[in-house]
Amino acid sequence: MEKILSKAEIEGLLNAVFEGRIEPEKELAKAEGAIAIYDLVNADTQKGSVPNLDIIYDGFIRANRVNLSNRLRKSVEIKKIGARSYKFDDFLQTLPSPVCMGIFKIEPLKGAALISFDSTLVLSLVDSLLGGTGSAKVPIANRMFTSIELRLMEKIVGDALLDLEKAWAPLYATHMSLLRMETNPRLVNIVPPEYQIVTMTLKIQIDDISGNMMFAVPFMTIDPIREKLKTGAQFDLMAIDPQWSSRLSSEIMEAPMETTVEMGNASITLRELLELAPGDTIMLDKPSSSNMIVKVEGVPKFFGVPGIKHGNKAIQISKICDKRGQ
């Protein structure tokens, strides 16, 4: 229940103020200083970065550099310029004009994200895809991209989202799906204007032409996996190719192994060894019909009976050796 001062307490407080024993300004300042302001919209985003999110983009760069080079049949270099946080409305103000944007979902995370390309990069990519040199001129101000250019860029964005999905896989299984392409920033509203987003700008170099690709992801989208992002030290363990075990097994199965059969033993002197000549016979301690030891890389593994198979000397496995070679 809220505490209410009595009439006597109110009169005592007023007298203290009039007599100068209490200064209202100082008391108010103390009260304000004890108040902790907590921004629910921008909580934990004041530093402008998300721990280890750049590791995901490192993986994206490695994959997309190869795929984009193969698609364009040109050498492509991709470098990180840096990450930064904005309020979404402020971010839209920074986008150049014209700009090519793709809005995509990161399922099962909430919300949508954005990938953008400046006009220089768009025209270079389109020109290269159509067999040109990739050195197309930058369009005049306010020149909108054609439907053919947007259709070709949709393929580039699709490739980028597949590479981004692979880069996310070691941390969190996602599915990237393109919602639509857009050229007007005013028509993009992936989050309310006051919400924070984190961006990553990449510089793409195609021969002598360079341009910027930018990712923008809302903080609210990656908030559910913030703790996983913080444990970036485990990325190396999680980044193991899921097909690695099967590929390793198949390679091992094809590895050559030396197999020998020990038919028996005999002891002779050095003099007898030096006097051996073609046609001499060495008597072994086992008959030819007894089990012989089959060794794999010098290790006893099986017992077998010698014979002939399709005109070749062979041995038929009769039993498996135990750890003691018996």
C-alpha atoms as a PDB file:
ATOM      1  CA  MET A   1       0.000   0.000   0.000  1.00  0.00           C
ATOM      2  CA  GLU A   2       1.276   3.475  -0.908  1.00  0.00           C
ATOM      3  CA  LYS A   3       2.486   5.464   2.127  1.00  0.00           C
ATOM      4  CA  ILE A   4       0.624   8.795   2.618  1.00  0.00           C
ATOM      5  CA  LEU A   5       1.980  11.489   4.963  1.00  0.00           C
ATOM      6  CA  SER A   6      -0.223  12.617   7.809  1.00  0.00           C
ATOM      7  CA  LYS A   7      -1.197  16.264   8.279  1.00  0.00           C
ATOM      8  CA  ALA A   8       1.394  16.697  11.062  1.00  0.00           C
ATOM      9  CA  GLU A   9       4.151  15.188   8.906  1.00  0.00           C
ATOM     10  CA  ILE A  10       3.281  17.498   6.013  1.00  0.00           C
ATOM     11  CA  GLU A  11       3.444  20.579   8.283  1.00  0.00           C
ATOM     12  CA  GLY A  12       6.795  19.383   9.688  1.00  0.00           C
ATOM     13  CA  LEU A  13       8.179  18.956   6.174  1.00  0.00           C
ATOM     14  CA  LEU A  14       7.056  22.415   5.093  1.00  0.00           C
ATOM     15  CA  ASN A  15       8.611  24.009   8.194  1.00  0.00           C
ATOM     16  CA  ALA A  16      11.915  22.261   7.473  1.00  0.00           C
ATOM     17  CA  VAL A  17      11.887  23.663   3.925  1.00  0.00           C
ATOM     18  CA  PHE A  18      11.066  27.193   5.089  1.00  0.00           C
ATOM     19  CA  GLU A  19      13.785  27.052   7.745  1.00  0.00           C
ATOM     20  CA  GLY A  20      16.371  25.832   5.213  1.00  0.00           C
ATOM     21  CA  ARG A  21      17.007  22.488   6.904  1.00  0.00           C
ATOM     22  CA  ILE A  22      15.908  20.699   3.676  1.00  0.00           C
ATOM     23  CA  GLU A  23      16.837  21.865   0.157  1.00  0.00           C
ATOM     24  CA  PRO A  24      14.305  20.493  -2.387  1.00  0.00           C
ATOM     25  CA  GLU A  25      16.732  20.768  -5.368  1.00  0.00           C
ATOM     26  CA  LYS A  26      19.346  18.536  -3.709  1.00  0.00           C
ATOM     27  CA  GLU A  27      16.787  16.002  -2.551  1.00  0.00           C
ATOM     28  CA  LEU A  28      15.319  15.821  -6.063  1.00  0.00           C
ATOM     29  CA  ALA A  29      18.770  15.346  -7.589  1.00  0.00           C
ATOM     30  CA  LYS A  30      19.467  12.459  -5.193  1.00  0.00           C
ATOM     31  CA  ALA A  31      16.184  10.825  -6.132  1.00  0.00           C
ATOM     32  CA  GLU A  32      16.845  11.182  -9.865  1.00  0.00           C
ATOM     33  CA  GLY A  33      20.363   9.786  -9.437  1.00  0.00           C
ATOM     34  CA  ALA A  34      18.947   6.647  -7.857  1.00  0.00           C
ATOM     35  CA  ILE A  35      16.735   5.973 -10.873  1.00  0.00           C
ATOM     36  CA  ALA A  36      18.142   3.469 -13.368  1.00  0.00           C
ATOM     37  CA  ILE A  37      16.963   4.127 -16.924  1.00  0.00           C
ATOM     38  CA  TYR A  38      16.413   0.907 -18.889  1.00  0.00           C
ATOM     39  CA  ASP A  39      15.711   1.097 -22.610  1.00  0.00           C
ATOM     40  CA  LEU A  40      13.666  -1.974 -23.506  1.00  0.00           C
ATOM     41  CA  VAL A  41      14.069  -1.338 -27.230  1.00  0.00           C
ATOM     42  CA  ASN A  42      17.822  -0.825 -27.287  1.00  0.00           C
ATOM     43  CA  ALA A  43      18.887  -2.880 -24.273  1.00  0.00           C
ATOM     44  CA  ASP A  44      22.371  -4.380 -24.589  1.00  0.00           C
ATOM     45  CA  THR A  45      22.888  -2.729 -27.986  1.00  0.00           C
ATOM     46  CA  GLN A  46      24.634   0.470 -27.013  1.00  0.00           C
ATOM     47  CA  LYS A  47      28.073  -0.710 -28.007  1.00  0.00           C
ATOM     48  CA  GLY A  48      26.955  -1.258 -31.588  1.00  0.00           C
ATOM     49  CA  SER A  49      28.178  -4.809 -32.022  1.00  0.00           C
ATOM     50  CA  VAL A  50      27.189  -8.398 -31.439  1.00  0.00           C
ATOM     51  CA  PRO A  51      29.949 -10.695 -30.108  1.00  0.00           C
ATOM     52  CA  ASN A  52      31.350 -13.090 -32.725  1.00  0.00           C
ATOM     53  CA  LEU A  53      28.789 -12.170 -35.387  1.00  0.00           C
ATOM     54  CA  ASP A  54      31.756 -11.321 -37.612  1.00  0.00           C
ATOM     55  CA  ILE A  55      32.749 -15.003 -37.516  1.00  0.00           C
ATOM     56  CA  ILE A  56      29.581 -15.811 -39.436  1.00  0.00           C
ATOM     57  CA  TYR A  57      30.445 -13.211 -42.064  1.00  0.00           C
ATOM     58  CA  ASP A  58      33.975 -14.632 -42.337  1.00  0.00           C
ATOM     59  CA  GLY A  59      32.417 -17.957 -43.299  1.00  0.00           C
ATOM     60  CA  PHE A  60      30.085 -16.201 -45.742  1.00  0.00           C
ATOM     61  CA  ILE A  61      33.001 -14.410 -47.427  1.00  0.00           C
ATOM     62  CA  ARG A  62      34.906 -17.648 -47.972  1.00  0.00           C
ATOM     63  CA  ALA A  63      31.912 -19.360 -49.581  1.00  0.00           C
ATOM     64  CA  ASN A  64      30.552 -16.436 -51.579  1.00  0.00           C
ATOM     65  CA  ARG A  65      33.947 -15.488 -53.027  1.00  0.00           C
ATOM     66  CA  VAL A  66      34.164 -18.897 -54.710  1.00  0.00           C
ATOM     67  CA  ASN A  67      30.534 -19.076 -55.858  1.00  0.00           C
ATOM     68  CA  LEU A  68      30.431 -15.516 -57.176  1.00  0.00           C
ATOM     69  CA  SER A  69      33.710 -16.001 -59.045  1.00  0.00           C
ATOM     70  CA  ASN A  70      32.331 -19.164 -60.658  1.00  0.00           C
ATOM     71  CA  ARG A  71      29.066 -17.476 -61.663  1.00  0.00           C
ATOM     72  CA  LEU A  72      30.760 -14.405 -63.141  1.00  0.00           C
ATOM     73  CA  ARG A  73      33.796 -16.302 -64.470  1.00  0.00           C
ATOM     74  CA  LYS A  74      35.908 -13.516 -63.029  1.00  0.00           C
ATOM     75  CA  SER A  75      38.197 -13.121 -60.053  1.00  0.00           C
ATOM     76  CA  VAL A  76      36.218 -11.683 -57.135  1.00  0.00           C
ATOM     77  CA  GLU A  77      37.614 -10.377 -53.856  1.00  0.00           C
ATOM     78  CA  ILE A  78      35.425  -9.713 -50.808  1.00  0.00           C
ATOM     79  CA  LYS A  79      36.632  -7.832 -47.723  1.00  0.00           C
ATOM     80  CA  LYS A  80      34.931  -6.714 -44.527  1.00  0.00           C
ATOM     81  CA  ILE A  81      34.694  -2.948 -44.046  1.00  0.00           C
ATOM     82  CA  GLY A  82      33.099  -3.136 -40.625  1.00  0.00           C
ATOM     83  CA  ALA A  83      30.011  -3.608 -38.469  1.00  0.00           C
ATOM     84  CA  ARG A  84      27.878  -0.821 -37.043  1.00  0.00           C
ATOM     85  CA  SER A  85      24.534  -0.407 -35.311  1.00  0.00           C
ATOM     86  CA  TYR A  86      21.827   2.064 -36.244  1.00  0.00           C
ATOM     87  CA  LYS A  87      18.266   2.836 -35.460  1.00  0.00           C
ATOM     88  CA  PHE A  88      16.452   1.461 -38.472  1.00  0.00           C
ATOM     89  CA  ASP A  89      15.194   4.861 -39.596  1.00  0.00           C
ATOM     90  CA  ASP A  90      18.731   6.303 -39.446  1.00  0.00           C
ATOM     91  CA  PHE A  91      20.044   3.331 -41.413  1.00  0.00           C
ATOM     92  CA  LEU A  92      17.609   3.939 -44.260  1.00  0.00           C
ATOM     93  CA  GLN A  93      18.894   7.504 -44.500  1.00  0.00           C
ATOM     94  CA  THR A  94      22.423   6.189 -45.164  1.00  0.00           C
ATOM     95  CA  LEU A  95      21.439   4.059 -48.164  1.00  0.00           C
ATOM     96  CA  PRO A  96      22.562   5.481 -51.526  1.00  0.00           C
ATOM     97  CA  SER A  97      20.203   6.185 -54.383  1.00  0.00           C
ATOM     98  CA  PRO A  98      19.544   4.112 -56.382  1.00  0.00           C
ATOM     99  CA  VAL A  99      20.004   0.973 -54.298  1.00  0.00           C
ATOM    100  CA  CYS A 100      19.075  -2.673 -54.838  1.00  0.00           C
ATOM    101  CA  MET A 101      17.734  -4.419 -51.747  1.00  0.00           C
ATOM    102  CA  GLY A 102      16.622  -7.934 -50.936  1.00  0.00           C
ATOM    103  CA  ILE A 103      14.401  -8.578 -47.916  1.00  0.00           C
ATOM    104  CA  PHE A 104      14.767 -12.081 -46.534  1.00  0.00           C
ATOM    105  CA  LYS A 105      13.688 -14.264 -43.622  1.00  0.00           C
ATOM    106  CA  ILE A 106      16.071 -16.093 -41.278  1.00  0.00           C
ATOM    107  CA  GLU A 107      13.846 -18.944 -40.200  1.00  0.00           C
ATOM    108  CA  PRO A 108      13.116 -19.964 -37.478  1.00  0.00           C
ATOM    109  CA  LEU A 109      14.232 -16.598 -36.041  1.00  0.00           C
ATOM    110  CA  LYS A 110      11.670 -13.815 -35.890  1.00  0.00           C
ATOM    111  CA  GLY A 111      11.511 -10.818 -38.177  1.00  0.00           C
ATOM    112  CA  ALA A 112      13.202 -10.135 -41.503  1.00  0.00           C
ATOM    113  CA  ALA A 113      16.661  -8.943 -42.548  1.00  0.00           C
ATOM    114  CA  LEU A 114      18.039  -6.950 -45.446  1.00  0.00           C
ATOM    115  CA  ILE A 115      20.833  -7.216 -48.010  1.00  0.00           C
ATOM    116  CA  SER A 116      21.659  -4.204 -50.193  1.00  0.00           C
ATOM    117  CA  PHE A 117      23.932  -3.445 -53.163  1.00  0.00           C
ATOM    118  CA  ASP A 118      24.989   0.005 -54.365  1.00  0.00           C
ATOM    119  CA  SER A 119      24.401   0.962 -58.000  1.00  0.00           C
ATOM    120  CA  THR A 120      28.050   0.584 -59.036  1.00  0.00           C
ATOM    121  CA  LEU A 121      28.110  -3.009 -57.847  1.00  0.00           C
ATOM    122  CA  VAL A 122      24.703  -3.821 -59.359  1.00  0.00           C
ATOM    123  CA  LEU A 123      25.663  -2.643 -62.845  1.00  0.00           C
ATOM    124  CA  SER A 124      29.032  -4.387 -62.688  1.00  0.00           C
ATOM    125  CA  LEU A 125      27.397  -7.662 -61.639  1.00  0.00           C
ATOM    126  CA  VAL A 126      24.681  -7.412 -64.303  1.00  0.00           C
ATOM    127  CA  ASP A 127      27.183  -6.540 -67.028  1.00  0.00           C
ATOM    128  CA  SER A 128      29.372  -9.502 -66.061  1.00  0.00           C
ATOM    129  CA  LEU A 129      26.414 -11.892 -65.962  1.00  0.00           C
ATOM    130  CA  LEU A 130      25.484 -10.845 -69.507  1.00  0.00           C
ATOM    131  CA  GLY A 131      28.996 -11.529 -70.764  1.00  0.00           C
ATOM    132  CA  GLY A 132      30.351  -7.993 -70.587  1.00  0.00           C
ATOM    133  CA  THR A 133      33.537  -6.665 -69.068  1.00  0.00           C
ATOM    134  CA  GLY A 134      31.843  -5.647 -65.828  1.00  0.00           C
ATOM    135  CA  SER A 135      32.888  -2.016 -66.262  1.00  0.00           C
ATOM    136  CA  ALA A 136      29.428  -0.527 -66.854  1.00  0.00           C
ATOM    137  CA  LYS A 137      29.000   3.144 -66.035  1.00  0.00           C
ATOM    138  CA  VAL A 138      27.113   4.322 -62.965  1.00  0.00           C
ATOM    139  CA  PRO A 139      23.576   5.469 -63.896  1.00  0.00           C
ATOM    140  CA  ILE A 140      22.438   9.028 -63.576  1.00  0.00           C
ATOM    141  CA  ALA A 141      20.787  10.086 -60.313  1.00  0.00           C
ATOM    142  CA  ASN A 142      17.347   8.621 -59.588  1.00  0.00           C
ATOM    143  CA  ARG A 143      17.628   6.145 -62.475  1.00  0.00           C
ATOM    144  CA  MET A 144      15.629   3.071 -61.447  1.00  0.00           C
ATOM    145  CA  PHE A 145      16.863  -0.429 -62.146  1.00  0.00           C
ATOM    146  CA  THR A 146      15.097  -2.309 -64.919  1.00  0.00           C
ATOM    147  CA  SER A 147      13.096  -5.478 -64.337  1.00  0.00           C
ATOM    148  CA  ILE A 148      15.811  -7.506 -66.126  1.00  0.00           C
ATOM    149  CA  GLU A 149      18.506  -6.080 -63.850  1.00  0.00           C
ATOM    150  CA  LEU A 150      16.427  -6.861 -60.764  1.00  0.00           C
ATOM    151  CA  ARG A 151      15.752 -10.382 -62.021  1.00  0.00           C
ATOM    152  CA  LEU A 152      19.476 -11.014 -62.491  1.00  0.00           C
ATOM    153  CA  MET A 153      20.239  -9.525 -59.076  1.00  0.00           C
ATOM    154  CA  GLU A 154      17.643 -11.851 -57.575  1.00  0.00           C
ATOM    155  CA  LYS A 155      19.858 -14.768 -58.660  1.00  0.00           C
ATOM    156  CA  ILE A 156      22.907 -13.118 -57.047  1.00  0.00           C
ATOM    157  CA  VAL A 157      20.930 -12.577 -53.827  1.00  0.00           C
ATOM    158  CA  GLY A 158      19.739 -16.202 -53.904  1.00  0.00           C
ATOM    159  CA  ASP A 159      23.344 -17.420 -54.110  1.00  0.00           C
ATOM    160  CA  ALA A 160      24.354 -15.082 -51.278  1.00  0.00           C
ATOM    161  CA  LEU A 161      21.559 -16.357 -49.030  1.00  0.00           C
ATOM    162  CA  LEU A 162      22.605 -19.982 -49.612  1.00  0.00           C
ATOM    163  CA  ASP A 163      26.176 -19.080 -48.630  1.00  0.00           C
ATOM    164  CA  LEU A 164      24.920 -17.151 -45.594  1.00  0.00           C
ATOM    165  CA  GLU A 165      22.827 -20.148 -44.551  1.00  0.00           C
ATOM    166  CA  LYS A 166      25.947 -22.343 -44.677  1.00  0.00           C
ATOM    167  CA  ALA A 167      27.877 -19.764 -42.643  1.00  0.00           C
ATOM    168  CA  TRP A 168      25.175 -19.808 -39.939  1.00  0.00           C
ATOM    169  CA  ALA A 169      25.019 -23.623 -39.835  1.00  0.00           C
ATOM    170  CA  PRO A 170      27.855 -24.220 -37.305  1.00  0.00           C
ATOM    171  CA  LEU A 171      26.138 -21.866 -34.846  1.00  0.00           C
ATOM    172  CA  TYR A 172      22.439 -22.287 -35.520  1.00  0.00           C
ATOM    173  CA  ALA A 173      20.510 -24.168 -38.209  1.00  0.00           C
ATOM    174  CA  THR A 174      18.606 -21.626 -40.314  1.00  0.00           C
ATOM    175  CA  HIS A 175      16.814 -21.377 -43.631  1.00  0.00           C
ATOM    176  CA  MET A 176      17.237 -18.147 -45.590  1.00  0.00           C
ATOM    177  CA  SER A 177      14.318 -17.325 -47.895  1.00  0.00           C
ATOM    178  CA  LEU A 178      14.042 -14.251 -50.118  1.00  0.00           C
ATOM    179  CA  LEU A 179      10.760 -12.398 -49.645  1.00  0.00           C
ATOM    180  CA  ARG A 180      11.079  -9.709 -52.302  1.00  0.00           C
ATOM    181  CA  MET A 181      13.410  -7.306 -54.085  1.00  0.00           C
ATOM    182  CA  GLU A 182      13.070  -3.560 -53.503  1.00  0.00           C
ATOM    183  CA  THR A 183      14.694  -0.350 -54.784  1.00  0.00           C
ATOM    184  CA  ASN A 184      12.938   2.280 -52.664  1.00  0.00           C
ATOM    185  CA  PRO A 185      14.117   2.446 -49.007  1.00  0.00           C
ATOM    186  CA  ARG A 186      10.884   4.174 -48.016  1.00  0.00           C
ATOM    187  CA  LEU A 187       8.972   0.995 -48.831  1.00  0.00           C
ATOM    188  CA  VAL A 188      11.109  -1.162 -46.525  1.00  0.00           C
ATOM    189  CA  ASN A 189       9.896  -1.680 -42.949  1.00  0.00           C
ATOM    190  CA  ILE A 190      11.477  -4.840 -41.539  1.00  0.00           C
ATOM    191  CA  VAL A 191      11.241  -3.325 -38.013  1.00  0.00           C
ATOM    192  CA  PRO A 192       9.759  -0.138 -36.509  1.00  0.00           C
ATOM    193  CA  PRO A 193      11.878   3.008 -37.143  1.00  0.00           C
ATOM    194  CA  GLU A 194      13.196   3.260 -33.553  1.00  0.00           C
ATOM    195  CA  TYR A 195      14.415  -0.350 -33.348  1.00  0.00           C
ATOM    196  CA  GLN A 196      18.129  -1.116 -33.479  1.00  0.00           C
ATOM    197  CA  ILE A 197      19.777  -3.084 -36.274  1.00  0.00           C
ATOM    198  CA  VAL A 198      23.353  -4.260 -36.736  1.00  0.00           C
ATOM    199  CA  THR A 199      24.956  -3.933 -40.161  1.00  0.00           C
ATOM    200  CA  MET A 200      27.976  -5.491 -41.840  1.00  0.00           C
ATOM    201  CA  THR A 201      29.437  -3.783 -44.896  1.00  0.00           C
ATOM    202  CA  LEU A 202      31.465  -5.828 -47.381  1.00  0.00           C
ATOM    203  CA  LYS A 203      33.558  -4.447 -50.229  1.00  0.00           C
ATOM    204  CA  ILE A 204      33.358  -6.519 -53.419  1.00  0.00           C
ATOM    205  CA  GLN A 205      36.132  -6.060 -55.978  1.00  0.00           C
ATOM    206  CA  ILE A 206      35.546  -7.311 -59.543  1.00  0.00           C
ATOM    207  CA  ASP A 207      38.623  -6.564 -61.650  1.00  0.00           C
ATOM    208  CA  ASP A 208      38.916  -2.749 -61.488  1.00  0.00           C
ATOM    209  CA  ILE A 209      35.346  -2.137 -60.277  1.00  0.00           C
ATOM    210  CA  SER A 210      34.367  -2.201 -56.607  1.00  0.00           C
ATOM    211  CA  GLY A 211      31.137  -1.682 -54.738  1.00  0.00           C
ATOM    212  CA  ASN A 212      29.518  -2.362 -51.391  1.00  0.00           C
ATOM    213  CA  MET A 213      27.240  -5.129 -50.216  1.00  0.00           C
ATOM    214  CA  MET A 214      25.579  -4.585 -46.850  1.00  0.00           C
ATOM    215  CA  PHE A 215      23.684  -6.873 -44.493  1.00  0.00           C
ATOM    216  CA  ALA A 216      21.269  -5.408 -41.935  1.00  0.00           C
ATOM    217  CA  VAL A 217      19.875  -7.683 -39.219  1.00  0.00           C
ATOM    218  CA  PRO A 218      17.581  -6.464 -36.396  1.00  0.00           C
ATOM    219  CA  PHE A 219      18.836  -6.990 -32.849  1.00  0.00           C
ATOM    220  CA  MET A 220      15.445  -8.448 -31.957  1.00  0.00           C
ATOM    221  CA  THR A 221      16.040 -11.198 -34.551  1.00  0.00           C
ATOM    222  CA  ILE A 222      19.346 -12.379 -33.101  1.00  0.00           C
ATOM    223  CA  ASP A 223      18.450 -11.728 -29.463  1.00  0.00           C
ATOM    224  CA  PRO A 224      17.256 -15.350 -28.826  1.00  0.00           C
ATOM    225  CA  ILE A 225      20.692 -16.710 -29.804  1.00  0.00           C
ATOM    226  CA  ARG A 226      22.851 -14.014 -28.189  1.00  0.00           C
ATOM    227  CA  GLU A 227      24.276 -16.492 -25.686  1.00  0.00           C
ATOM    228  CA  LYS A 228      25.322 -18.835 -28.480  1.00  0.00           C
ATOM    229  CA  LEU A 229      27.038 -15.952 -30.222  1.00  0.00           C
ATOM    230  CA  LYS A 230      28.953 -15.144 -27.055  1.00  0.00           C
ATOM    231  CA  THR A 231      30.373 -18.679 -26.893  1.00  0.00           C
ATOM    232  CA  GLY A 232      32.374 -18.131 -30.039  1.00  0.00           C
ATOM    233  CA  ALA A 233      35.245 -20.276 -28.724  1.00  0.00           C
ATOM    234  CA  GLN A 234      33.168 -23.329 -29.582  1.00  0.00           C
ATOM    235  CA  PHE A 235      32.862 -22.379 -33.245  1.00  0.00           C
ATOM    236  CA  ASP A 236      35.831 -24.515 -34.229  1.00  0.00           C
ATOM    237  CA  LEU A 237      34.200 -27.566 -32.667  1.00  0.00           C
ATOM    238  CA  MET A 238      30.816 -26.842 -34.159  1.00  0.00           C
ATOM    239  CA  ALA A 239      32.213 -26.042 -37.583  1.00  0.00           C
ATOM    240  CA  ILE A 240      33.061 -29.681 -38.378  1.00  0.00           C
ATOM    241  CA  ASP A 241      31.627 -30.716 -41.730  1.00  0.00           C
ATOM    242  CA  PRO A 242      28.694 -33.078 -41.023  1.00  0.00           C
ATOM    243  CA  GLN A 243      29.854 -35.235 -43.979  1.00  0.00           C
ATOM    244  CA  TRP A 244      33.425 -35.403 -42.691  1.00  0.00           C
ATOM    245  CA  SER A 245      33.013 -38.732 -40.902  1.00  0.00           C
ATOM    246  CA  SER A 246      31.510 -40.504 -43.897  1.00  0.00           C
ATOM    247  CA  ARG A 247      34.134 -39.125 -46.273  1.00  0.00           C
ATOM    248  CA  LEU A 248      36.921 -40.142 -43.909  1.00  0.00           C
ATOM    249  CA  SER A 249      35.473 -43.646 -43.628  1.00  0.00           C
ATOM    250  CA  SER A 250      35.232 -44.050 -47.400  1.00  0.00           C
ATOM    251  CA  GLU A 251      38.828 -42.875 -47.854  1.00  0.00           C
ATOM    252  CA  ILE A 252      40.088 -45.264 -45.176  1.00  0.00           C
ATOM    253  CA  MET A 253      38.227 -48.152 -46.830  1.00  0.00           C
ATOM    254  CA  GLU A 254      40.214 -47.496 -50.030  1.00  0.00           C
ATOM    255  CA  ALA A 255      43.603 -47.330 -48.283  1.00  0.00           C
ATOM    256  CA  PRO A 256      46.029 -50.081 -49.474  1.00  0.00           C
ATOM    257  CA  MET A 257      47.114 -52.632 -46.850  1.00  0.00           C
ATOM    258  CA  GLU A 258      49.911 -55.214 -47.064  1.00  0.00           C
ATOM    259  CA  THR A 259      48.748 -58.758 -46.337  1.00  0.00           C
ATOM    260  CA  THR A 260      51.208 -61.635 -45.794  1.00  0.00           C
ATOM    261  CA  VAL A 261      50.799 -65.336 -45.020  1.00  0.00           C
ATOM    262  CA  GLU A 262      53.226 -67.050 -42.695  1.00  0.00           C
ATOM    263  CA  MET A 263      53.485 -70.641 -43.995  1.00  0.00           C
ATOM    264  CA  GLY A 264      55.870 -71.872 -41.300  1.00  0.00           C
ATOM    265  CA  ASN A 265      59.264 -71.492 -39.692  1.00  0.00           C
ATOM    266  CA  ALA A 266      62.664 -73.137 -40.055  1.00  0.00           C
ATOM    267  CA  SER A 267      66.008 -72.692 -38.339  1.00  0.00           C
ATOM    268  CA  ILE A 268      69.254 -72.925 -40.309  1.00  0.00           C
ATOM    269  CA  THR A 269      72.834 -71.897 -39.674  1.00  0.00           C
ATOM    270  CA  LEU A 270      74.597 -69.092 -41.449  1.00  0.00           C
ATOM    271  CA  ARG A 271      76.809 -71.676 -43.201  1.00  0.00           C
ATOM    272  CA  GLU A 272      73.718 -73.508 -44.477  1.00  0.00           C
ATOM    273  CA  LEU A 273      72.220 -70.222 -45.676  1.00  0.00           C
ATOM    274  CA  LEU A 274      75.388 -69.372 -47.631  1.00  0.00           C
ATOM    275  CA  GLU A 275      75.479 -72.831 -49.187  1.00  0.00           C
ATOM    276  CA  LEU A 276      71.878 -72.753 -50.440  1.00  0.00           C
ATOM    277  CA  ALA A 277      71.496 -73.222 -54.199  1.00  0.00           C
ATOM    278  CA  PRO A 278      68.580 -73.359 -56.667  1.00  0.00           C
ATOM    279  CA  GLY A 279      66.627 -76.555 -56.170  1.00  0.00           C
ATOM    280  CA  ASP A 280      67.443 -76.957 -52.465  1.00  0.00           C
ATOM    281  CA  THR A 281      64.508 -77.580 -50.102  1.00  0.00           C
ATOM    282  CA  ILE A 282      63.941 -76.016 -46.682  1.00  0.00           C
ATOM    283  CA  MET A 283      61.754 -78.067 -44.390  1.00  0.00           C
ATOM    284  CA  LEU A 284      59.199 -76.017 -42.421  1.00  0.00           C
ATOM    285  CA  ASP A 285      57.775 -76.872 -39.006  1.00  0.00           C
ATOM    286  CA  LYS A 286      54.166 -77.078 -40.329  1.00  0.00           C
ATOM    287  CA  PRO A 287      52.481 -79.250 -42.960  1.00  0.00           C
ATOM    288  CA  SER A 288      50.947 -77.469 -45.953  1.00  0.00           C
ATOM    289  CA  SER A 289      47.453 -78.503 -44.863  1.00  0.00           C
ATOM    290  CA  SER A 290      47.609 -76.823 -41.439  1.00  0.00           C
ATOM    291  CA  ASN A 291      46.243 -73.375 -40.571  1.00  0.00           C
ATOM    292  CA  MET A 292      48.588 -70.573 -41.500  1.00  0.00           C
ATOM    293  CA  ILE A 293      48.764 -67.113 -39.898  1.00  0.00           C
ATOM    294  CA  VAL A 294      47.551 -64.223 -42.082  1.00  0.00           C
ATOM    295  CA  LYS A 295      49.145 -60.907 -41.073  1.00  0.00           C
ATOM    296  CA  VAL A 296      47.850 -57.431 -42.022  1.00  0.00           C
ATOM    297  CA  GLU A 297      50.563 -54.792 -41.850  1.00  0.00           C
ATOM    298  CA  GLY A 298      52.604 -57.243 -39.767  1.00  0.00           C
ATOM    299  CA  VAL A 299      49.827 -57.851 -37.222  1.00  0.00           C
ATOM    300  CA  PRO A 300      48.309 -61.377 -36.949  1.00  0.00           C
ATOM    301  CA  LYS A 301      44.611 -61.123 -37.868  1.00  0.00           C
ATOM    302  CA  PHE A 302      43.407 -64.461 -39.320  1.00  0.00           C
ATOM    303  CA  PHE A 303      44.143 -68.148 -39.775  1.00  0.00           C
ATOM    304  CA  GLY A 304      43.712 -69.725 -43.181  1.00  0.00           C
ATOM    305  CA  VAL A 305      44.237 -72.824 -45.326  1.00  0.00           C
ATOM    306  CA  PRO A 306      46.359 -72.484 -48.507  1.00  0.00           C
ATOM    307  CA  GLY A 307      44.996 -73.466 -51.904  1.00  0.00           C
ATOM    308  CA  ILE A 308      44.558 -72.488 -55.569  1.00  0.00           C
ATOM    309  CA  LYS A 309      41.907 -70.051 -56.904  1.00  0.00           C
ATOM    310  CA  HIS A 310      41.565 -69.457 -60.658  1.00  0.00           C
ATOM    311  CA  GLY A 311      45.119 -70.661 -61.152  1.00  0.00           C
ATOM    312  CA  ASN A 312      46.507 -68.338 -58.476  1.00  0.00           C
ATOM    313  CA  LYS A 313      47.888 -69.178 -55.074  1.00  0.00           C
ATOM    314  CA  ALA A 314      45.287 -68.278 -52.438  1.00  0.00           C
ATOM    315  CA  ILE A 315      44.364 -68.750 -48.813  1.00  0.00           C
ATOM    316  CA  GLN A 316      40.929 -69.426 -47.377  1.00  0.00           C
ATOM    317  CA  ILE A 317      40.194 -67.710 -44.036  1.00  0.00           C
ATOM    318  CA  SER A 318      39.253 -70.289 -41.427  1.00  0.00           C
ATOM    319  CA  LYS A 319      39.070 -68.239 -38.250  1.00  0.00           C
ATOM    320  CA  ILE A 320      39.948 -64.863 -36.693  1.00  0.00           C
ATOM    321  CA  CYS A 321      42.905 -64.382 -34.380  1.00  0.00           C
ATOM    322  CA  ASP A 322      42.259 -63.193 -30.860  1.00  0.00           C
ATOM    323  CA  LYS A 323      44.269 -60.450 -29.194  1.00  0.00           C
ATOM    324  CA  ARG A 324      46.934 -62.959 -28.232  1.00  0.00           C
ATOM    325  CA  GLY A 325      47.385 -64.080 -31.876  1.00  0.00           C
ATOM    326  CA  GLN A 326      45.749 -67.453 -31.246  1.00  0.00           C
END
